[in-house]
Structures are given as C-alpha cells and as structure tokens.
Amino acid sequence: MSTSEPHNAPPQDASVPTSPPSVDQADRRSLLALGSTLLMTGGLAGGYGAFFTLAARYLFPTDSGKAWFFVAAAKSIPSGSSIDFTSPSGVRVTIRRDEGEPQDLRAENFLALSSVCPHLGCRVHWESANKRFFCPCHNGVFSPDGVATEGPPAQAGQNLPRYALKLDRGSLYIEMPAESV
C-alpha cells in the first residue's frame, strides 16, 4: 500500500463540529443538566410530600376537640317545632323542641340530631304533623328520638347521631366538633 492512495473515508458534514466542545461549553451543559435534574427531583418530592400530607390528614384525623356553639334563645323555638342549625365547620343539625308548656325551658325538652341521613347522606327533616324525621331519598323514617323505624336506615340499623345541648340564662347551646375532618 502506498500512502498516496486515497482512503475511503465518509464525507464530512458541515453541520457536525469537527473539534470537541470547549471546556466552557461542557461545563455549561453539565450545569444545565444538573440544574434541570434537581428542579425535577424537587418538584416531584414536593408534589409527593403534599399528597402524602393531605392523605395522612384524611386517613389519620386528629381529635380537634369539641366546642359549645350558640343556637338560639330557647323561648324563640315554639313547642313541638324544630329549627335547622349549621355549625361553623358545616355540620347540619335539626334541633327539635318537645310539645309542652312554652315557659318550661329545660335542656331535656330539646333534642339535637344530625339532619344528614346515615344511609346515603340525604337531608332529613322533621315532620311535626307526623311526629317523625323523614328522609325523602329512600323513604327513611326516624322516630322523634332519631331511631330508624322504616326504610333502608331501619334495615341497616342506622340511627341519627345525637348532639349534646345545654341551656344557659335562656340561651340554647350545642356541643359539636370544633373543626371538620
């Protein structure tokens, strides 16, 4: 072989650099790659951290305690009627007053029950003419004390939850969770 013979090398493309990148270009590329990797990792860690924090709050709720909330003046609730009350945390309650003397203002004459049906979460209301709580979604019926008597709640043994009441100087108060879950 002679050195004067041409060798069969592929033709050079003008767009491909023939010399290696300079040290400045290599450092800049490494820095950009490292920066983008750190940003992606930080974003993923922050997203997963926020998700797991919210999931833990839901799965492992803390006892936020209970507080007494003002409902109404006791004499403003007529005998045999009811009023609806919503706590600051969004819990809905129906407060029913027994039939009796209007001047008989004792906590025992009032009853506070959840106004949310335990079957499917529909709104329950007091029917004073029938002396019962009624859920129109599936004809669920509850006694004046909140015990399920007809419909799917009775079949499942799901009664309306009760809340404590107290009277203080003619004002009616209810004890409820301070915060929602």
N, C-alpha and C. Protein backbone atom coordinates (compact mmCIF):
# COMPACT_ATOMS: atom_id res chain seq x y z
N MET A 1 0.81 -1.18 0.00
CA MET A 1 0.00 0.00 0.00
C MET A 1 0.85 1.23 0.00
N SER A 2 0.39 2.08 -0.75
CA SER A 2 1.13 3.33 -0.80
C SER A 2 0.39 4.41 -0.07
N THR A 3 1.10 5.35 0.39
CA THR A 3 0.50 6.43 1.17
C THR A 3 -0.18 7.45 0.29
N SER A 4 0.04 7.36 -0.97
CA SER A 4 -0.57 8.33 -1.87
C SER A 4 -1.97 7.92 -2.31
N GLU A 5 -2.38 6.71 -1.96
CA GLU A 5 -3.72 6.28 -2.37
C GLU A 5 -4.77 6.93 -1.46
N PRO A 6 -5.85 7.35 -2.05
CA PRO A 6 -6.92 7.94 -1.21
C PRO A 6 -7.62 6.85 -0.42
N HIS A 7 -7.97 7.14 0.77
CA HIS A 7 -8.70 6.16 1.57
C HIS A 7 -10.20 6.46 1.48
N ASN A 8 -11.00 5.48 1.76
CA ASN A 8 -12.45 5.61 1.61
C ASN A 8 -13.09 6.11 2.92
N ALA A 9 -12.87 7.34 3.27
CA ALA A 9 -13.46 7.95 4.47
C ALA A 9 -14.79 8.60 4.09
N PRO A 10 -15.78 8.57 4.99
CA PRO A 10 -17.06 9.20 4.67
C PRO A 10 -16.88 10.71 4.57
N PRO A 11 -17.67 11.32 3.73
CA PRO A 11 -17.55 12.78 3.57
C PRO A 11 -17.96 13.49 4.87
N GLN A 12 -17.31 14.57 5.15
CA GLN A 12 -17.59 15.36 6.35
C GLN A 12 -18.82 16.23 6.13
N ASP A 13 -19.74 16.23 7.15
CA ASP A 13 -20.92 17.09 7.10
C ASP A 13 -20.52 18.41 7.73
N ALA A 14 -20.92 19.50 7.13
CA ALA A 14 -20.53 20.82 7.60
C ALA A 14 -21.22 21.18 8.92
N SER A 15 -22.38 20.56 9.21
CA SER A 15 -23.11 20.92 10.43
C SER A 15 -22.56 20.21 11.66
N VAL A 16 -21.76 19.18 11.50
CA VAL A 16 -21.19 18.45 12.62
C VAL A 16 -19.85 19.08 12.97
N PRO A 17 -19.70 19.48 14.25
CA PRO A 17 -18.41 20.10 14.60
C PRO A 17 -17.30 19.05 14.55
N THR A 18 -16.19 19.47 14.07
CA THR A 18 -15.07 18.56 13.94
C THR A 18 -14.19 18.56 15.17
N SER A 19 -14.26 19.62 15.96
CA SER A 19 -13.43 19.67 17.16
C SER A 19 -14.31 19.42 18.39
N PRO A 20 -13.76 18.85 19.45
CA PRO A 20 -14.54 18.61 20.67
C PRO A 20 -14.99 19.93 21.28
N PRO A 21 -16.11 19.91 22.07
CA PRO A 21 -16.58 21.16 22.67
C PRO A 21 -15.55 21.71 23.63
N SER A 22 -15.56 23.02 23.72
CA SER A 22 -14.60 23.65 24.62
C SER A 22 -14.98 23.34 26.07
N VAL A 23 -14.08 23.61 26.98
CA VAL A 23 -14.30 23.35 28.39
C VAL A 23 -15.47 24.18 28.91
N ASP A 24 -15.61 25.42 28.45
CA ASP A 24 -16.71 26.29 28.89
C ASP A 24 -18.06 25.72 28.47
N GLN A 25 -18.15 25.21 27.23
CA GLN A 25 -19.41 24.63 26.75
C GLN A 25 -19.76 23.36 27.53
N ALA A 26 -18.78 22.54 27.81
CA ALA A 26 -19.03 21.30 28.56
C ALA A 26 -19.49 21.62 29.98
N ASP A 27 -18.88 22.59 30.64
CA ASP A 27 -19.29 22.96 31.99
C ASP A 27 -20.70 23.53 32.00
N ARG A 28 -21.04 24.34 31.02
CA ARG A 28 -22.37 24.93 30.94
C ARG A 28 -23.43 23.84 30.73
N ARG A 29 -23.15 22.89 29.87
CA ARG A 29 -24.09 21.79 29.63
C ARG A 29 -24.27 20.94 30.88
N SER A 30 -23.19 20.66 31.57
CA SER A 30 -23.28 19.88 32.81
C SER A 30 -24.09 20.63 33.87
N LEU A 31 -23.87 21.92 33.96
CA LEU A 31 -24.60 22.73 34.93
C LEU A 31 -26.09 22.76 34.60
N LEU A 32 -26.44 22.92 33.33
CA LEU A 32 -27.85 22.92 32.93
C LEU A 32 -28.50 21.56 33.18
N ALA A 33 -27.80 20.49 32.88
CA ALA A 33 -28.33 19.15 33.12
C ALA A 33 -28.54 18.91 34.61
N LEU A 34 -27.57 19.30 35.41
CA LEU A 34 -27.69 19.14 36.86
C LEU A 34 -28.83 19.99 37.41
N GLY A 35 -28.92 21.23 36.95
CA GLY A 35 -29.99 22.12 37.41
C GLY A 35 -31.37 21.60 37.06
N SER A 36 -31.56 21.13 35.84
CA SER A 36 -32.88 20.61 35.45
C SER A 36 -33.21 19.33 36.21
N THR A 37 -32.21 18.49 36.47
CA THR A 37 -32.44 17.28 37.25
C THR A 37 -32.85 17.62 38.68
N LEU A 38 -32.17 18.58 39.28
CA LEU A 38 -32.52 19.00 40.64
C LEU A 38 -33.92 19.62 40.70
N LEU A 39 -34.28 20.42 39.69
CA LEU A 39 -35.62 21.01 39.66
C LEU A 39 -36.70 19.94 39.53
N MET A 40 -36.49 18.97 38.67
CA MET A 40 -37.46 17.89 38.51
C MET A 40 -37.58 17.07 39.80
N THR A 41 -36.45 16.76 40.41
CA THR A 41 -36.47 15.98 41.64
C THR A 41 -37.16 16.76 42.76
N GLY A 42 -36.87 18.04 42.87
CA GLY A 42 -37.52 18.87 43.88
C GLY A 42 -39.02 18.98 43.65
N GLY A 43 -39.43 19.14 42.41
CA GLY A 43 -40.86 19.20 42.09
C GLY A 43 -41.57 17.92 42.43
N LEU A 44 -40.96 16.79 42.09
CA LEU A 44 -41.57 15.50 42.41
C LEU A 44 -41.65 15.29 43.93
N ALA A 45 -40.57 15.62 44.63
CA ALA A 45 -40.57 15.44 46.08
C ALA A 45 -41.61 16.35 46.74
N GLY A 46 -41.72 17.58 46.28
CA GLY A 46 -42.73 18.50 46.83
C GLY A 46 -44.14 18.03 46.55
N GLY A 47 -44.39 17.56 45.34
CA GLY A 47 -45.72 17.06 44.99
C GLY A 47 -46.10 15.84 45.79
N TYR A 48 -45.19 14.88 45.88
CA TYR A 48 -45.48 13.68 46.67
C TYR A 48 -45.61 14.02 48.16
N GLY A 49 -44.80 14.94 48.64
CA GLY A 49 -44.89 15.34 50.04
C GLY A 49 -46.24 15.97 50.36
N ALA A 50 -46.72 16.85 49.47
CA ALA A 50 -48.03 17.47 49.68
C ALA A 50 -49.13 16.42 49.63
N PHE A 51 -49.04 15.50 48.69
CA PHE A 51 -50.05 14.44 48.58
C PHE A 51 -50.10 13.59 49.84
N PHE A 52 -48.95 13.14 50.30
CA PHE A 52 -48.92 12.27 51.48
C PHE A 52 -49.34 13.02 52.75
N THR A 53 -49.06 14.31 52.82
CA THR A 53 -49.51 15.10 53.97
C THR A 53 -51.03 15.16 54.01
N LEU A 54 -51.65 15.45 52.87
CA LEU A 54 -53.12 15.50 52.82
C LEU A 54 -53.73 14.13 53.04
N ALA A 55 -53.13 13.10 52.49
CA ALA A 55 -53.65 11.74 52.68
C ALA A 55 -53.56 11.35 54.15
N ALA A 56 -52.47 11.70 54.82
CA ALA A 56 -52.32 11.37 56.23
C ALA A 56 -53.35 12.10 57.08
N ARG A 57 -53.67 13.35 56.73
CA ARG A 57 -54.70 14.09 57.47
C ARG A 57 -56.05 13.40 57.35
N TYR A 58 -56.32 12.87 56.18
CA TYR A 58 -57.60 12.19 55.95
C TYR A 58 -57.63 10.82 56.62
N LEU A 59 -56.56 10.06 56.47
CA LEU A 59 -56.53 8.70 56.99
C LEU A 59 -56.35 8.64 58.50
N PHE A 60 -55.65 9.61 59.05
CA PHE A 60 -55.37 9.63 60.48
C PHE A 60 -55.78 10.99 61.07
N PRO A 61 -57.09 11.25 61.16
CA PRO A 61 -57.53 12.57 61.65
C PRO A 61 -57.19 12.75 63.13
N THR A 62 -56.91 13.98 63.48
CA THR A 62 -56.64 14.29 64.88
C THR A 62 -57.95 14.72 65.54
N ASP A 63 -58.03 14.49 66.83
CA ASP A 63 -59.21 14.91 67.56
C ASP A 63 -59.12 16.41 67.77
N SER A 64 -59.96 17.14 67.06
CA SER A 64 -59.90 18.60 67.13
C SER A 64 -60.63 19.14 68.35
N GLY A 65 -61.26 18.25 69.09
CA GLY A 65 -61.98 18.70 70.27
C GLY A 65 -63.38 19.17 69.92
N LYS A 66 -64.11 19.48 70.95
CA LYS A 66 -65.48 19.96 70.77
C LYS A 66 -65.60 21.34 71.40
N ALA A 67 -66.62 22.05 70.94
CA ALA A 67 -66.88 23.38 71.47
C ALA A 67 -68.39 23.59 71.56
N TRP A 68 -68.79 24.52 72.40
CA TRP A 68 -70.21 24.86 72.53
C TRP A 68 -70.50 26.04 71.62
N PHE A 69 -71.57 25.92 70.83
CA PHE A 69 -71.98 26.96 69.89
C PHE A 69 -73.38 27.45 70.26
N PHE A 70 -73.57 28.76 70.17
CA PHE A 70 -74.88 29.34 70.43
C PHE A 70 -75.82 28.97 69.29
N VAL A 71 -77.05 28.53 69.65
CA VAL A 71 -78.05 28.15 68.65
C VAL A 71 -79.10 29.23 68.53
N ALA A 72 -79.82 29.49 69.63
CA ALA A 72 -80.91 30.47 69.62
C ALA A 72 -81.35 30.69 71.06
N ALA A 73 -82.18 31.70 71.23
CA ALA A 73 -82.85 31.87 72.52
C ALA A 73 -83.87 30.74 72.63
N ALA A 74 -83.89 30.05 73.74
CA ALA A 74 -84.75 28.87 73.90
C ALA A 74 -86.22 29.21 73.70
N LYS A 75 -86.66 30.38 74.16
CA LYS A 75 -88.08 30.72 74.03
C LYS A 75 -88.46 31.06 72.59
N SER A 76 -87.48 31.25 71.71
CA SER A 76 -87.81 31.54 70.30
C SER A 76 -88.16 30.29 69.50
N ILE A 77 -87.96 29.11 70.09
CA ILE A 77 -88.30 27.85 69.42
C ILE A 77 -89.65 27.40 69.98
N PRO A 78 -90.71 27.45 69.17
CA PRO A 78 -92.04 27.06 69.66
C PRO A 78 -92.10 25.58 70.05
N SER A 79 -92.96 25.26 71.00
CA SER A 79 -93.16 23.87 71.43
C SER A 79 -93.62 23.02 70.25
N GLY A 80 -93.04 21.83 70.10
CA GLY A 80 -93.42 20.91 69.04
C GLY A 80 -92.82 21.21 67.69
N SER A 81 -91.96 22.22 67.59
CA SER A 81 -91.37 22.57 66.30
C SER A 81 -89.87 22.27 66.30
N SER A 82 -89.23 22.61 65.21
CA SER A 82 -87.79 22.37 65.09
C SER A 82 -87.14 23.51 64.33
N ILE A 83 -85.84 23.62 64.50
CA ILE A 83 -85.05 24.57 63.71
C ILE A 83 -83.84 23.84 63.16
N ASP A 84 -83.31 24.34 62.08
CA ASP A 84 -82.09 23.79 61.49
C ASP A 84 -80.92 24.65 61.93
N PHE A 85 -79.80 23.99 62.18
CA PHE A 85 -78.59 24.67 62.61
C PHE A 85 -77.41 24.09 61.84
N THR A 86 -76.53 24.96 61.38
CA THR A 86 -75.30 24.53 60.71
C THR A 86 -74.13 25.10 61.48
N SER A 87 -73.23 24.24 61.90
CA SER A 87 -72.07 24.68 62.68
C SER A 87 -71.07 25.39 61.77
N PRO A 88 -70.13 26.12 62.33
CA PRO A 88 -69.11 26.77 61.50
C PRO A 88 -68.30 25.78 60.66
N SER A 89 -68.21 24.52 61.11
CA SER A 89 -67.46 23.52 60.32
C SER A 89 -68.34 22.84 59.28
N GLY A 90 -69.63 23.21 59.20
CA GLY A 90 -70.51 22.68 58.17
C GLY A 90 -71.39 21.51 58.57
N VAL A 91 -71.38 21.12 59.84
CA VAL A 91 -72.22 20.01 60.30
C VAL A 91 -73.66 20.51 60.42
N ARG A 92 -74.59 19.77 59.80
CA ARG A 92 -76.01 20.16 59.83
C ARG A 92 -76.75 19.38 60.91
N VAL A 93 -77.55 20.12 61.68
CA VAL A 93 -78.28 19.54 62.80
C VAL A 93 -79.70 20.09 62.80
N THR A 94 -80.65 19.23 63.19
CA THR A 94 -82.03 19.67 63.43
C THR A 94 -82.25 19.62 64.93
N ILE A 95 -82.72 20.74 65.48
CA ILE A 95 -82.99 20.82 66.91
C ILE A 95 -84.50 20.88 67.09
N ARG A 96 -85.03 19.90 67.79
CA ARG A 96 -86.47 19.75 67.99
C ARG A 96 -86.81 20.05 69.44
N ARG A 97 -87.93 20.76 69.61
CA ARG A 97 -88.42 21.03 70.96
C ARG A 97 -89.66 20.19 71.19
N ASP A 98 -89.71 19.52 72.34
CA ASP A 98 -90.88 18.71 72.70
C ASP A 98 -92.10 19.60 72.85
N GLU A 99 -93.26 18.97 72.67
CA GLU A 99 -94.50 19.69 72.94
C GLU A 99 -94.65 19.82 74.45
N GLY A 100 -95.14 20.93 74.88
CA GLY A 100 -95.31 21.17 76.31
C GLY A 100 -95.54 22.63 76.57
N GLU A 101 -95.41 22.99 77.80
CA GLU A 101 -95.63 24.38 78.20
C GLU A 101 -94.53 25.28 77.63
N PRO A 102 -94.91 26.41 77.02
CA PRO A 102 -93.90 27.31 76.44
C PRO A 102 -92.91 27.85 77.46
N GLN A 103 -93.35 28.00 78.72
CA GLN A 103 -92.44 28.54 79.74
C GLN A 103 -91.54 27.48 80.35
N ASP A 104 -91.73 26.21 79.98
CA ASP A 104 -90.90 25.12 80.51
C ASP A 104 -89.61 25.05 79.69
N LEU A 105 -88.62 25.80 80.13
CA LEU A 105 -87.35 25.89 79.41
C LEU A 105 -86.28 25.08 80.13
N ARG A 106 -86.19 23.81 79.77
CA ARG A 106 -85.17 22.92 80.30
C ARG A 106 -84.47 22.25 79.13
N ALA A 107 -83.21 21.93 79.30
CA ALA A 107 -82.44 21.29 78.22
C ALA A 107 -83.05 19.95 77.83
N GLU A 108 -83.71 19.28 78.77
CA GLU A 108 -84.31 17.97 78.48
C GLU A 108 -85.47 18.06 77.50
N ASN A 109 -86.01 19.27 77.30
CA ASN A 109 -87.14 19.45 76.38
C ASN A 109 -86.67 19.66 74.94
N PHE A 110 -85.37 19.67 74.72
CA PHE A 110 -84.81 19.88 73.38
C PHE A 110 -83.99 18.65 72.99
N LEU A 111 -83.95 18.39 71.70
CA LEU A 111 -83.18 17.26 71.19
C LEU A 111 -82.47 17.70 69.91
N ALA A 112 -81.18 17.46 69.83
CA ALA A 112 -80.39 17.81 68.64
C ALA A 112 -79.94 16.54 67.95
N LEU A 113 -80.36 16.38 66.70
CA LEU A 113 -80.00 15.21 65.89
C LEU A 113 -79.40 15.67 64.57
N SER A 114 -78.51 14.86 64.04
CA SER A 114 -77.95 15.15 62.72
C SER A 114 -79.08 15.22 61.70
N SER A 115 -79.00 16.18 60.80
CA SER A 115 -80.02 16.27 59.75
C SER A 115 -79.52 15.65 58.46
N VAL A 116 -78.52 14.78 58.57
CA VAL A 116 -77.99 14.06 57.42
C VAL A 116 -78.29 12.58 57.62
N CYS A 117 -78.99 11.99 56.65
CA CYS A 117 -79.36 10.58 56.75
C CYS A 117 -78.10 9.71 56.72
N PRO A 118 -77.97 8.76 57.66
CA PRO A 118 -76.78 7.91 57.68
C PRO A 118 -76.75 6.90 56.53
N HIS A 119 -77.85 6.75 55.80
CA HIS A 119 -77.90 5.78 54.70
C HIS A 119 -77.09 6.28 53.51
N LEU A 120 -77.48 7.43 52.94
CA LEU A 120 -76.77 7.95 51.77
C LEU A 120 -76.41 9.43 51.88
N GLY A 121 -76.63 10.03 53.03
CA GLY A 121 -76.24 11.42 53.22
C GLY A 121 -77.26 12.44 52.74
N CYS A 122 -78.50 12.03 52.51
CA CYS A 122 -79.54 12.97 52.09
C CYS A 122 -79.99 13.82 53.29
N ARG A 123 -80.68 14.90 52.99
CA ARG A 123 -81.15 15.81 54.03
C ARG A 123 -82.40 15.25 54.71
N VAL A 124 -82.38 15.14 56.03
CA VAL A 124 -83.51 14.66 56.83
C VAL A 124 -84.22 15.88 57.41
N HIS A 125 -85.54 15.86 57.44
CA HIS A 125 -86.28 16.98 58.05
C HIS A 125 -87.35 16.47 59.01
N TRP A 126 -87.71 17.33 59.95
CA TRP A 126 -88.71 17.00 60.96
C TRP A 126 -90.09 17.28 60.40
N GLU A 127 -90.98 16.30 60.50
CA GLU A 127 -92.39 16.47 60.12
C GLU A 127 -93.20 16.53 61.40
N SER A 128 -93.55 17.74 61.82
CA SER A 128 -94.25 17.88 63.10
C SER A 128 -95.65 17.27 63.05
N ALA A 129 -96.31 17.27 61.89
CA ALA A 129 -97.65 16.68 61.78
C ALA A 129 -97.61 15.17 62.00
N ASN A 130 -96.54 14.52 61.52
CA ASN A 130 -96.41 13.06 61.66
C ASN A 130 -95.53 12.66 62.85
N LYS A 131 -94.95 13.66 63.50
CA LYS A 131 -94.05 13.43 64.65
C LYS A 131 -92.94 12.43 64.30
N ARG A 132 -92.20 12.77 63.25
CA ARG A 132 -91.11 11.90 62.80
C ARG A 132 -90.10 12.70 61.99
N PHE A 133 -88.91 12.15 61.89
CA PHE A 133 -87.91 12.67 60.97
C PHE A 133 -88.03 11.85 59.69
N PHE A 134 -87.95 12.52 58.54
CA PHE A 134 -88.18 11.83 57.27
C PHE A 134 -87.05 12.15 56.30
N CYS A 135 -86.58 11.10 55.61
CA CYS A 135 -85.58 11.24 54.55
C CYS A 135 -86.28 10.93 53.23
N PRO A 136 -86.43 11.91 52.34
CA PRO A 136 -87.17 11.69 51.10
C PRO A 136 -86.43 10.87 50.05
N CYS A 137 -85.15 10.64 50.21
CA CYS A 137 -84.39 9.91 49.18
C CYS A 137 -84.88 8.48 49.00
N HIS A 138 -85.03 7.75 50.10
CA HIS A 138 -85.47 6.35 50.02
C HIS A 138 -86.54 6.05 51.07
N ASN A 139 -87.32 7.08 51.42
CA ASN A 139 -88.41 6.94 52.40
C ASN A 139 -87.92 6.41 53.74
N GLY A 140 -86.80 6.93 54.18
CA GLY A 140 -86.29 6.58 55.50
C GLY A 140 -87.06 7.34 56.57
N VAL A 141 -87.48 6.65 57.61
CA VAL A 141 -88.26 7.27 58.68
C VAL A 141 -87.52 7.05 60.00
N PHE A 142 -87.49 8.10 60.82
CA PHE A 142 -86.85 8.05 62.13
C PHE A 142 -87.84 8.53 63.18
N SER A 143 -87.80 7.92 64.34
CA SER A 143 -88.68 8.31 65.45
C SER A 143 -88.29 9.70 65.95
N PRO A 144 -89.10 10.31 66.81
CA PRO A 144 -88.73 11.62 67.36
C PRO A 144 -87.40 11.61 68.11
N ASP A 145 -86.94 10.44 68.54
CA ASP A 145 -85.65 10.32 69.22
C ASP A 145 -84.50 9.99 68.27
N GLY A 146 -84.78 9.87 66.97
CA GLY A 146 -83.74 9.61 65.98
C GLY A 146 -83.48 8.16 65.69
N VAL A 147 -84.33 7.26 66.18
CA VAL A 147 -84.16 5.82 65.93
C VAL A 147 -84.81 5.49 64.59
N ALA A 148 -84.08 4.79 63.71
CA ALA A 148 -84.62 4.42 62.40
C ALA A 148 -85.74 3.42 62.56
N THR A 149 -86.91 3.71 61.93
CA THR A 149 -88.07 2.82 62.07
C THR A 149 -88.53 2.22 60.74
N GLU A 150 -88.22 2.88 59.62
CA GLU A 150 -88.64 2.37 58.31
C GLU A 150 -87.57 2.68 57.27
N GLY A 151 -87.63 1.93 56.17
CA GLY A 151 -86.75 2.18 55.04
C GLY A 151 -85.36 1.60 55.22
N PRO A 152 -84.46 1.92 54.30
CA PRO A 152 -83.09 1.38 54.36
C PRO A 152 -82.34 1.68 55.65
N PRO A 153 -82.51 2.88 56.26
CA PRO A 153 -81.79 3.09 57.53
C PRO A 153 -82.23 2.11 58.62
N ALA A 154 -83.53 1.77 58.67
CA ALA A 154 -84.01 0.82 59.68
C ALA A 154 -83.48 -0.57 59.41
N GLN A 155 -83.41 -0.95 58.13
CA GLN A 155 -82.90 -2.27 57.77
C GLN A 155 -81.42 -2.40 58.13
N ALA A 156 -80.69 -1.30 58.04
CA ALA A 156 -79.26 -1.32 58.35
C ALA A 156 -78.98 -0.95 59.81
N GLY A 157 -80.01 -0.58 60.55
CA GLY A 157 -79.81 -0.20 61.95
C GLY A 157 -79.06 1.11 62.11
N GLN A 158 -79.28 2.05 61.19
CA GLN A 158 -78.56 3.32 61.21
C GLN A 158 -79.45 4.41 61.81
N ASN A 159 -79.12 4.85 63.01
CA ASN A 159 -79.87 5.91 63.68
C ASN A 159 -79.21 7.25 63.44
N LEU A 160 -79.96 8.32 63.70
CA LEU A 160 -79.41 9.67 63.57
C LEU A 160 -78.51 9.97 64.76
N PRO A 161 -77.29 10.45 64.52
CA PRO A 161 -76.40 10.81 65.64
C PRO A 161 -76.97 11.97 66.46
N ARG A 162 -76.75 11.93 67.78
CA ARG A 162 -77.23 12.96 68.70
C ARG A 162 -76.09 13.91 69.07
N TYR A 163 -76.49 15.12 69.45
CA TYR A 163 -75.56 16.12 69.94
C TYR A 163 -76.06 16.65 71.28
N ALA A 164 -75.14 16.96 72.17
CA ALA A 164 -75.48 17.46 73.50
C ALA A 164 -75.95 18.92 73.42
N LEU A 165 -76.94 19.24 74.24
CA LEU A 165 -77.46 20.60 74.33
C LEU A 165 -77.38 21.07 75.78
N LYS A 166 -77.29 22.38 75.97
CA LYS A 166 -77.38 22.94 77.32
C LYS A 166 -78.06 24.31 77.23
N LEU A 167 -78.70 24.68 78.31
CA LEU A 167 -79.33 25.99 78.44
C LEU A 167 -78.53 26.82 79.43
N ASP A 168 -78.24 28.04 79.05
CA ASP A 168 -77.52 28.95 79.94
C ASP A 168 -78.19 30.31 79.85
N ARG A 169 -78.86 30.72 80.93
CA ARG A 169 -79.57 32.00 81.01
C ARG A 169 -80.52 32.21 79.82
N GLY A 170 -81.27 31.17 79.47
CA GLY A 170 -82.27 31.26 78.42
C GLY A 170 -81.75 31.06 77.02
N SER A 171 -80.44 30.86 76.87
CA SER A 171 -79.84 30.63 75.55
C SER A 171 -79.54 29.15 75.38
N LEU A 172 -79.80 28.64 74.19
CA LEU A 172 -79.57 27.24 73.89
C LEU A 172 -78.22 27.09 73.19
N TYR A 173 -77.40 26.15 73.67
CA TYR A 173 -76.07 25.88 73.10
C TYR A 173 -75.98 24.41 72.71
N ILE A 174 -75.18 24.15 71.68
CA ILE A 174 -74.96 22.79 71.22
C ILE A 174 -73.47 22.49 71.23
N GLU A 175 -73.12 21.27 71.62
CA GLU A 175 -71.72 20.84 71.63
C GLU A 175 -71.44 20.06 70.36
N MET A 176 -70.47 20.55 69.58
CA MET A 176 -70.15 19.94 68.28
C MET A 176 -68.64 19.93 68.07
N PRO A 177 -68.17 19.16 67.08
CA PRO A 177 -66.75 19.21 66.75
C PRO A 177 -66.34 20.62 66.36
N ALA A 178 -65.16 21.03 66.81
CA ALA A 178 -64.69 22.38 66.54
C ALA A 178 -64.27 22.56 65.09
N GLU A 179 -63.80 21.49 64.44
CA GLU A 179 -63.37 21.57 63.05
C GLU A 179 -63.90 20.37 62.30
N SER A 180 -64.00 20.52 60.98
CA SER A 180 -64.40 19.37 60.16
C SER A 180 -63.18 18.52 59.86
N VAL A 181 -63.41 17.29 59.47
CA VAL A 181 -62.33 16.34 59.17
C VAL A 181 -61.70 16.68 57.86
